[in-house]
Amino acid sequence: MAKDREAGEVVLFTDGACSGNPGPGGWAYILRHPQSGREARDSGAEAVSTNNRMELTAVVQGLQQLKRPTVVELVTDSVYVGTGLLEWMPKWKQQGWKRKEKGRLVPVKNEDLWRELDRLASSHTIRFTHVAGHSGHAENEACDQMAVEAYKELQRNSRV
């Protein structure tokens, strides 16, 4: 991460987690404005989801907090999100939100979340930084812990 950040730049750390795939899932983000030191955190859960849906949901939820065009450094362990945002999505859009599979076009998985991510990302400048999951990166570990706790809390509450 660059030390000489622009005044409007934020860092969005995200992670998603599932117990089973599909299974109960959680998402979490930490949104930090390094120049002011302000930070927002949130997490949530779904009773039945997939890891990829939770990874996408974390990014969507974080970007929804931004009220004006912003330079965003997206820090995540999800190659799916980063590659999808930077490489796959432009092709999907050209092909009517379809992807090639075995020589034919099929619907994009998680299209609802990809479309929302596309809408949100269009007003920001997003840079993708990949970090290895469970490698000791403080914010990635915190997001993972928040996401896991979110789905565990959902499971506890559904048993009551």
C-alpha atoms as a PDB file:
ATOM      1  CA  MET A   1       0.000   0.000   0.000  1.00  0.00           C
ATOM      2  CA  ALA A   2       1.316   3.385  -0.991  1.00  0.00           C
ATOM      3  CA  LYS A   3       2.308   5.745   1.802  1.00  0.00           C
ATOM      4  CA  ASP A   4       1.531   8.899  -0.207  1.00  0.00           C
ATOM      5  CA  ARG A   5      -2.205   8.442  -0.586  1.00  0.00           C
ATOM      6  CA  GLU A   6      -4.540  10.939  -2.178  1.00  0.00           C
ATOM      7  CA  ALA A   7      -6.834  12.775   0.242  1.00  0.00           C
ATOM      8  CA  GLY A   8      -9.945  10.990  -1.062  1.00  0.00           C
ATOM      9  CA  GLU A   9      -8.464   7.517  -1.086  1.00  0.00           C
ATOM     10  CA  VAL A  10      -9.794   4.718   1.083  1.00  0.00           C
ATOM     11  CA  VAL A  11      -8.737   1.153   1.704  1.00  0.00           C
ATOM     12  CA  LEU A  12     -11.454  -1.512   1.659  1.00  0.00           C
ATOM     13  CA  PHE A  13     -10.499  -4.810   3.281  1.00  0.00           C
ATOM     14  CA  THR A  14     -12.999  -7.628   2.667  1.00  0.00           C
ATOM     15  CA  ASP A  15     -13.546 -11.306   3.282  1.00  0.00           C
ATOM     16  CA  GLY A  16     -16.249 -13.913   3.023  1.00  0.00           C
ATOM     17  CA  ALA A  17     -16.587 -17.280   4.709  1.00  0.00           C
ATOM     18  CA  CYS A  18     -18.871 -20.291   4.479  1.00  0.00           C
ATOM     19  CA  SER A  19     -19.371 -23.395   6.570  1.00  0.00           C
ATOM     20  CA  GLY A  20     -19.858 -25.764   3.674  1.00  0.00           C
ATOM     21  CA  ASN A  21     -20.191 -24.567   0.114  1.00  0.00           C
ATOM     22  CA  PRO A  22     -23.137 -24.021  -0.027  1.00  0.00           C
ATOM     23  CA  GLY A  23     -23.851 -23.512   3.633  1.00  0.00           C
ATOM     24  CA  PRO A  24     -24.220 -20.772   6.213  1.00  0.00           C
ATOM     25  CA  GLY A  25     -22.092 -17.846   5.104  1.00  0.00           C
ATOM     26  CA  GLY A  26     -20.740 -14.593   6.441  1.00  0.00           C
ATOM     27  CA  TRP A  27     -19.179 -11.473   4.967  1.00  0.00           C
ATOM     28  CA  ALA A  28     -17.219  -8.610   6.494  1.00  0.00           C
ATOM     29  CA  TYR A  29     -15.417  -5.429   5.560  1.00  0.00           C
ATOM     30  CA  ILE A  30     -13.200  -2.793   7.099  1.00  0.00           C
ATOM     31  CA  LEU A  31     -13.306   0.550   5.303  1.00  0.00           C
ATOM     32  CA  ARG A  32     -10.466   2.863   6.273  1.00  0.00           C
ATOM     33  CA  HIS A  33      -9.635   6.445   5.341  1.00  0.00           C
ATOM     34  CA  PRO A  34      -5.898   6.523   6.117  1.00  0.00           C
ATOM     35  CA  GLN A  35      -5.540  10.310   6.087  1.00  0.00           C
ATOM     36  CA  SER A  36      -8.224  10.946   8.697  1.00  0.00           C
ATOM     37  CA  GLY A  37      -7.871   7.672  10.570  1.00  0.00           C
ATOM     38  CA  ARG A  38     -11.622   7.076  10.292  1.00  0.00           C
ATOM     39  CA  GLU A  39     -12.727   3.482   9.968  1.00  0.00           C
ATOM     40  CA  ALA A  40     -16.024   1.641   9.506  1.00  0.00           C
ATOM     41  CA  ARG A  41     -16.591  -2.078   9.975  1.00  0.00           C
ATOM     42  CA  ASP A  42     -19.573  -4.270   9.307  1.00  0.00           C
ATOM     43  CA  SER A  43     -20.492  -7.890   8.786  1.00  0.00           C
ATOM     44  CA  GLY A  44     -23.523  -9.986   8.052  1.00  0.00           C
ATOM     45  CA  ALA A  45     -24.647 -13.479   7.230  1.00  0.00           C
ATOM     46  CA  GLU A  46     -26.968 -15.603   5.121  1.00  0.00           C
ATOM     47  CA  ALA A  47     -28.391 -18.960   6.144  1.00  0.00           C
ATOM     48  CA  VAL A  48     -27.476 -20.588   2.824  1.00  0.00           C
ATOM     49  CA  SER A  49     -24.818 -19.149   0.552  1.00  0.00           C
ATOM     50  CA  THR A  50     -21.503 -19.891  -1.137  1.00  0.00           C
ATOM     51  CA  ASN A  51     -18.025 -18.619  -0.430  1.00  0.00           C
ATOM     52  CA  ASN A  52     -17.963 -16.670  -3.710  1.00  0.00           C
ATOM     53  CA  ARG A  53     -21.295 -14.975  -2.929  1.00  0.00           C
ATOM     54  CA  MET A  54     -20.007 -13.944   0.496  1.00  0.00           C
ATOM     55  CA  GLU A  55     -16.752 -12.593  -0.990  1.00  0.00           C
ATOM     56  CA  LEU A  56     -18.764 -10.497  -3.470  1.00  0.00           C
ATOM     57  CA  THR A  57     -21.254  -9.360  -0.827  1.00  0.00           C
ATOM     58  CA  ALA A  58     -18.447  -8.042   1.372  1.00  0.00           C
ATOM     59  CA  VAL A  59     -17.168  -5.829  -1.463  1.00  0.00           C
ATOM     60  CA  VAL A  60     -20.663  -4.641  -2.411  1.00  0.00           C
ATOM     61  CA  GLN A  61     -21.496  -3.787   1.208  1.00  0.00           C
ATOM     62  CA  GLY A  62     -18.238  -1.882   1.640  1.00  0.00           C
ATOM     63  CA  LEU A  63     -18.606   0.103  -1.588  1.00  0.00           C
ATOM     64  CA  GLN A  64     -22.189   1.023  -0.669  1.00  0.00           C
ATOM     65  CA  GLN A  65     -20.790   3.097   2.203  1.00  0.00           C
ATOM     66  CA  LEU A  66     -19.044   5.526  -0.151  1.00  0.00           C
ATOM     67  CA  LYS A  67     -21.061   8.659  -0.841  1.00  0.00           C
ATOM     68  CA  ARG A  68     -18.923  10.211  -3.612  1.00  0.00           C
ATOM     69  CA  PRO A  69     -16.444   9.060  -6.265  1.00  0.00           C
ATOM     70  CA  THR A  70     -13.419   7.696  -4.472  1.00  0.00           C
ATOM     71  CA  VAL A  71     -10.106   6.013  -5.166  1.00  0.00           C
ATOM     72  CA  VAL A  72     -10.465   2.611  -3.514  1.00  0.00           C
ATOM     73  CA  GLU A  73      -7.730   0.128  -2.805  1.00  0.00           C
ATOM     74  CA  LEU A  74      -9.593  -3.181  -2.524  1.00  0.00           C
ATOM     75  CA  VAL A  75      -7.596  -5.609  -0.375  1.00  0.00           C
ATOM     76  CA  THR A  76      -8.934  -9.158  -0.422  1.00  0.00           C
ATOM     77  CA  ASP A  77      -7.820 -12.775  -0.509  1.00  0.00           C
ATOM     78  CA  SER A  78     -10.400 -13.494  -3.224  1.00  0.00           C
ATOM     79  CA  VAL A  79      -8.820 -13.972  -6.630  1.00  0.00           C
ATOM     80  CA  TYR A  80     -12.392 -14.582  -7.858  1.00  0.00           C
ATOM     81  CA  VAL A  81     -13.431 -11.027  -6.965  1.00  0.00           C
ATOM     82  CA  GLY A  82     -10.269  -9.343  -8.232  1.00  0.00           C
ATOM     83  CA  THR A  83     -10.045 -11.229 -11.509  1.00  0.00           C
ATOM     84  CA  GLY A  84     -13.792 -10.954 -12.050  1.00  0.00           C
ATOM     85  CA  LEU A  85     -13.799  -7.204 -11.532  1.00  0.00           C
ATOM     86  CA  LEU A  86     -10.752  -6.447 -13.669  1.00  0.00           C
ATOM     87  CA  GLU A  87     -10.806  -9.118 -16.378  1.00  0.00           C
ATOM     88  CA  TRP A  88     -14.021 -11.136 -16.613  1.00  0.00           C
ATOM     89  CA  MET A  89     -16.711  -8.495 -16.056  1.00  0.00           C
ATOM     90  CA  PRO A  90     -15.987  -6.420 -19.191  1.00  0.00           C
ATOM     91  CA  LYS A  91     -16.352  -9.582 -21.325  1.00  0.00           C
ATOM     92  CA  TRP A  92     -19.510 -10.670 -19.502  1.00  0.00           C
ATOM     93  CA  LYS A  93     -21.098  -7.282 -20.118  1.00  0.00           C
ATOM     94  CA  GLN A  94     -20.265  -7.441 -23.830  1.00  0.00           C
ATOM     95  CA  GLN A  95     -21.843 -10.900 -23.966  1.00  0.00           C
ATOM     96  CA  GLY A  96     -25.057  -9.895 -22.143  1.00  0.00           C
ATOM     97  CA  TRP A  97     -23.858 -11.126 -18.731  1.00  0.00           C
ATOM     98  CA  LYS A  98     -22.984 -14.529 -20.138  1.00  0.00           C
ATOM     99  CA  ARG A  99     -19.739 -16.487 -19.975  1.00  0.00           C
ATOM    100  CA  LYS A 100     -18.345 -19.156 -22.223  1.00  0.00           C
ATOM    101  CA  GLU A 101     -18.507 -22.721 -20.984  1.00  0.00           C
ATOM    102  CA  LYS A 102     -17.696 -25.650 -23.261  1.00  0.00           C
ATOM    103  CA  GLY A 103     -18.009 -23.445 -26.333  1.00  0.00           C
ATOM    104  CA  ARG A 104     -21.401 -21.936 -25.526  1.00  0.00           C
ATOM    105  CA  LEU A 105     -22.656 -18.950 -23.579  1.00  0.00           C
ATOM    106  CA  VAL A 106     -24.210 -19.621 -20.169  1.00  0.00           C
ATOM    107  CA  PRO A 107     -25.444 -17.230 -17.467  1.00  0.00           C
ATOM    108  CA  VAL A 108     -22.807 -15.739 -15.175  1.00  0.00           C
ATOM    109  CA  LYS A 109     -22.940 -17.211 -11.692  1.00  0.00           C
ATOM    110  CA  ASN A 110     -23.839 -14.661  -9.007  1.00  0.00           C
ATOM    111  CA  GLU A 111     -25.018 -12.274 -11.718  1.00  0.00           C
ATOM    112  CA  ASP A 112     -27.079 -10.188  -9.265  1.00  0.00           C
ATOM    113  CA  LEU A 113     -24.008  -9.394  -7.171  1.00  0.00           C
ATOM    114  CA  TRP A 114     -21.736  -8.843 -10.177  1.00  0.00           C
ATOM    115  CA  ARG A 115     -24.243  -6.372 -11.633  1.00  0.00           C
ATOM    116  CA  GLU A 116     -24.431  -4.489  -8.334  1.00  0.00           C
ATOM    117  CA  LEU A 117     -20.651  -4.494  -8.055  1.00  0.00           C
ATOM    118  CA  ASP A 118     -20.449  -3.143 -11.616  1.00  0.00           C
ATOM    119  CA  ARG A 119     -22.914  -0.369 -10.771  1.00  0.00           C
ATOM    120  CA  LEU A 120     -21.047   0.631  -7.626  1.00  0.00           C
ATOM    121  CA  ALA A 121     -17.572   0.342  -9.151  1.00  0.00           C
ATOM    122  CA  SER A 122     -18.496   2.565 -12.099  1.00  0.00           C
ATOM    123  CA  SER A 123     -18.283   5.711  -9.969  1.00  0.00           C
ATOM    124  CA  HIS A 124     -14.974   4.844  -8.293  1.00  0.00           C
ATOM    125  CA  THR A 125     -11.387   4.090  -9.256  1.00  0.00           C
ATOM    126  CA  ILE A 126     -10.647   0.653  -7.854  1.00  0.00           C
ATOM    127  CA  ARG A 127      -7.233  -0.928  -7.473  1.00  0.00           C
ATOM    128  CA  PHE A 128      -7.098  -4.587  -6.503  1.00  0.00           C
ATOM    129  CA  THR A 129      -4.517  -5.857  -4.027  1.00  0.00           C
ATOM    130  CA  HIS A 130      -4.457  -9.595  -3.400  1.00  0.00           C
ATOM    131  CA  VAL A 131      -3.334 -10.933  -0.031  1.00  0.00           C
ATOM    132  CA  ALA A 132      -2.946 -14.577   0.841  1.00  0.00           C
ATOM    133  CA  GLY A 133      -5.738 -15.785   3.107  1.00  0.00           C
ATOM    134  CA  HIS A 134      -4.838 -16.936   6.621  1.00  0.00           C
ATOM    135  CA  SER A 135      -1.314 -15.575   6.229  1.00  0.00           C
ATOM    136  CA  GLY A 136      -1.285 -13.170   9.157  1.00  0.00           C
ATOM    137  CA  HIS A 137      -2.455 -10.028   7.296  1.00  0.00           C
ATOM    138  CA  ALA A 138      -4.088  -8.158  10.204  1.00  0.00           C
ATOM    139  CA  GLU A 139      -7.128  -6.727   8.427  1.00  0.00           C
ATOM    140  CA  ASN A 140      -7.760  -9.850   6.361  1.00  0.00           C
ATOM    141  CA  GLU A 141      -7.649 -11.945   9.526  1.00  0.00           C
ATOM    142  CA  ALA A 142     -10.016  -9.492  11.261  1.00  0.00           C
ATOM    143  CA  CYS A 143     -12.474  -9.637   8.342  1.00  0.00           C
ATOM    144  CA  ASP A 144     -12.315 -13.429   8.324  1.00  0.00           C
ATOM    145  CA  GLN A 145     -13.008 -13.532  12.060  1.00  0.00           C
ATOM    146  CA  MET A 146     -15.939 -11.101  11.693  1.00  0.00           C
ATOM    147  CA  ALA A 147     -17.414 -13.099   8.773  1.00  0.00           C
ATOM    148  CA  VAL A 148     -17.155 -16.418  10.614  1.00  0.00           C
ATOM    149  CA  GLU A 149     -18.665 -14.883  13.766  1.00  0.00           C
ATOM    150  CA  ALA A 150     -21.540 -13.442  11.696  1.00  0.00           C
ATOM    151  CA  TYR A 151     -22.621 -16.827  10.335  1.00  0.00           C
ATOM    152  CA  LYS A 152     -22.089 -18.540  13.689  1.00  0.00           C
ATOM    153  CA  GLU A 153     -24.293 -15.899  15.338  1.00  0.00           C
ATOM    154  CA  LEU A 154     -26.953 -16.497  12.664  1.00  0.00           C
ATOM    155  CA  GLN A 155     -26.793 -20.233  13.378  1.00  0.00           C
ATOM    156  CA  ARG A 156     -27.093 -19.659  17.153  1.00  0.00           C
ATOM    157  CA  ASN A 157     -30.090 -17.362  16.680  1.00  0.00           C
ATOM    158  CA  SER A 158     -31.836 -19.769  14.314  1.00  0.00           C
ATOM    159  CA  ARG A 159     -31.717 -22.524  16.951  1.00  0.00           C
ATOM    160  CA  VAL A 160     -33.538 -20.408  19.552  1.00  0.00           C
END
